[in-house]
C-alpha cells in the first residue's frame, strides 16, 4: 500500500547492495522512468539518503542538504 502511494506522488526508490543484491535489478525500471522524465524536460528532485535504526527514538540531526546553520 505504501508503494502505491509513493508511486502516485512519483517518489521512486533506488535499491542498494545492502537492500539485497536480488533487488538491484529493480533499479533498471527506476532509471528508465527517470530518463523518461528528463527527456520530457520535466523537473526531477533527488533526495539524499536518510538513515534508520532499530531504536524508536529521535536521532540527532546530521549535516546534509537541508542543513543551513
C-alpha atoms as a PDB file:
ATOM      1  CA  UNK A   1       0.000   0.000   0.000  1.00  0.00           C
ATOM      2  CA  UNK A   2       2.833   2.407   0.833  1.00  0.00           C
ATOM      3  CA  UNK A   3       4.486   1.687  -2.510  1.00  0.00           C
ATOM      4  CA  UNK A   4       1.276   2.628  -4.328  1.00  0.00           C
ATOM      5  CA  UNK A   5       1.115   5.994  -2.536  1.00  0.00           C
ATOM      6  CA  UNK A   6       4.770   6.721  -3.221  1.00  0.00           C
ATOM      7  CA  UNK A   7       4.357   5.903  -6.916  1.00  0.00           C
ATOM      8  CA  UNK A   8       1.304   8.196  -7.070  1.00  0.00           C
ATOM      9  CA  UNK A   9       3.489  11.004  -5.711  1.00  0.00           C
ATOM     10  CA  UNK A  10       6.173   9.981  -8.219  1.00  0.00           C
ATOM     11  CA  UNK A  11       8.599   9.074  -5.431  1.00  0.00           C
ATOM     12  CA  UNK A  12      10.828   6.278  -6.669  1.00  0.00           C
ATOM     13  CA  UNK A  13      13.320   4.270  -4.584  1.00  0.00           C
ATOM     14  CA  UNK A  14      16.851   3.399  -5.608  1.00  0.00           C
ATOM     15  CA  UNK A  15      17.933  -0.002  -4.371  1.00  0.00           C
ATOM     16  CA  UNK A  16      21.386  -0.530  -2.852  1.00  0.00           C
ATOM     17  CA  UNK A  17      23.500  -3.628  -2.301  1.00  0.00           C
ATOM     18  CA  UNK A  18      22.543  -3.629   1.356  1.00  0.00           C
ATOM     19  CA  UNK A  19      18.892  -3.910   0.269  1.00  0.00           C
ATOM     20  CA  UNK A  20      19.843  -7.274  -1.214  1.00  0.00           C
ATOM     21  CA  UNK A  21      21.629  -7.925  -4.471  1.00  0.00           C
ATOM     22  CA  UNK A  22      18.463  -9.565  -5.819  1.00  0.00           C
ATOM     23  CA  UNK A  23      16.752  -6.146  -5.610  1.00  0.00           C
ATOM     24  CA  UNK A  24      19.375  -4.315  -7.684  1.00  0.00           C
ATOM     25  CA  UNK A  25      17.686  -5.299 -10.947  1.00  0.00           C
ATOM     26  CA  UNK A  26      14.633  -3.256  -9.829  1.00  0.00           C
ATOM     27  CA  UNK A  27      16.761  -0.152 -10.470  1.00  0.00           C
ATOM     28  CA  UNK A  28      16.506  -0.737 -14.236  1.00  0.00           C
ATOM     29  CA  UNK A  29      12.837   0.319 -14.256  1.00  0.00           C
ATOM     30  CA  UNK A  30      13.502   3.212 -11.856  1.00  0.00           C
ATOM     31  CA  UNK A  31      16.311   4.550 -14.053  1.00  0.00           C
ATOM     32  CA  UNK A  32      14.227   4.145 -17.219  1.00  0.00           C
ATOM     33  CA  UNK A  33      11.449   6.217 -15.599  1.00  0.00           C
ATOM     34  CA  UNK A  34      13.999   8.833 -14.551  1.00  0.00           C
ATOM     35  CA  UNK A  35      15.397   9.085 -18.090  1.00  0.00           C
ATOM     36  CA  UNK A  36      11.849   9.445 -19.464  1.00  0.00           C
ATOM     37  CA  UNK A  37      11.178  12.349 -17.071  1.00  0.00           C
ATOM     38  CA  UNK A  38      14.388  14.130 -18.039  1.00  0.00           C
ATOM     39  CA  UNK A  39      13.832  13.633 -21.792  1.00  0.00           C
ATOM     40  CA  UNK A  40      10.473  15.406 -21.410  1.00  0.00           C
ATOM     41  CA  UNK A  41      12.284  18.345 -19.770  1.00  0.00           C
ATOM     42  CA  UNK A  42      10.349  17.764 -16.550  1.00  0.00           C
ATOM     43  CA  UNK A  43      11.828  18.528 -13.164  1.00  0.00           C
ATOM     44  CA  UNK A  44      13.476  15.832 -11.138  1.00  0.00           C
ATOM     45  CA  UNK A  45      14.252  16.041  -7.440  1.00  0.00           C
ATOM     46  CA  UNK A  46      16.859  13.766  -5.918  1.00  0.00           C
ATOM     47  CA  UNK A  47      16.529  13.399  -2.170  1.00  0.00           C
ATOM     48  CA  UNK A  48      19.565  12.480  -0.110  1.00  0.00           C
ATOM     49  CA  UNK A  49      19.507   9.200   1.698  1.00  0.00           C
ATOM     50  CA  UNK A  50      18.495   9.196   5.319  1.00  0.00           C
ATOM     51  CA  UNK A  51      19.419   6.549   7.794  1.00  0.00           C
ATOM     52  CA  UNK A  52      17.487   4.392  10.157  1.00  0.00           C
ATOM     53  CA  UNK A  53      17.983   2.169  13.117  1.00  0.00           C
ATOM     54  CA  UNK A  54      16.102  -0.283  15.230  1.00  0.00           C
ATOM     55  CA  UNK A  55      15.507   2.114  18.123  1.00  0.00           C
ATOM     56  CA  UNK A  56      12.290   4.125  18.268  1.00  0.00           C
ATOM     57  CA  UNK A  57      13.636   7.477  19.364  1.00  0.00           C
ATOM     58  CA  UNK A  58      14.574  10.754  17.743  1.00  0.00           C
ATOM     59  CA  UNK A  59      18.110  10.661  16.460  1.00  0.00           C
ATOM     60  CA  UNK A  60      20.491  13.647  16.391  1.00  0.00           C
ATOM     61  CA  UNK A  61      20.424  15.903  13.336  1.00  0.00           C
ATOM     62  CA  UNK A  62      23.305  15.486  10.929  1.00  0.00           C
ATOM     63  CA  UNK A  63      24.708  17.816   8.307  1.00  0.00           C
ATOM     64  CA  UNK A  64      23.047  17.355   4.966  1.00  0.00           C
ATOM     65  CA  UNK A  65      21.433  19.140   2.053  1.00  0.00           C
ATOM     66  CA  UNK A  66      18.924  20.942   4.290  1.00  0.00           C
ATOM     67  CA  UNK A  67      21.445  21.901   6.983  1.00  0.00           C
ATOM     68  CA  UNK A  68      21.857  25.660   6.765  1.00  0.00           C
ATOM     69  CA  UNK A  69      23.432  26.829  10.041  1.00  0.00           C
END
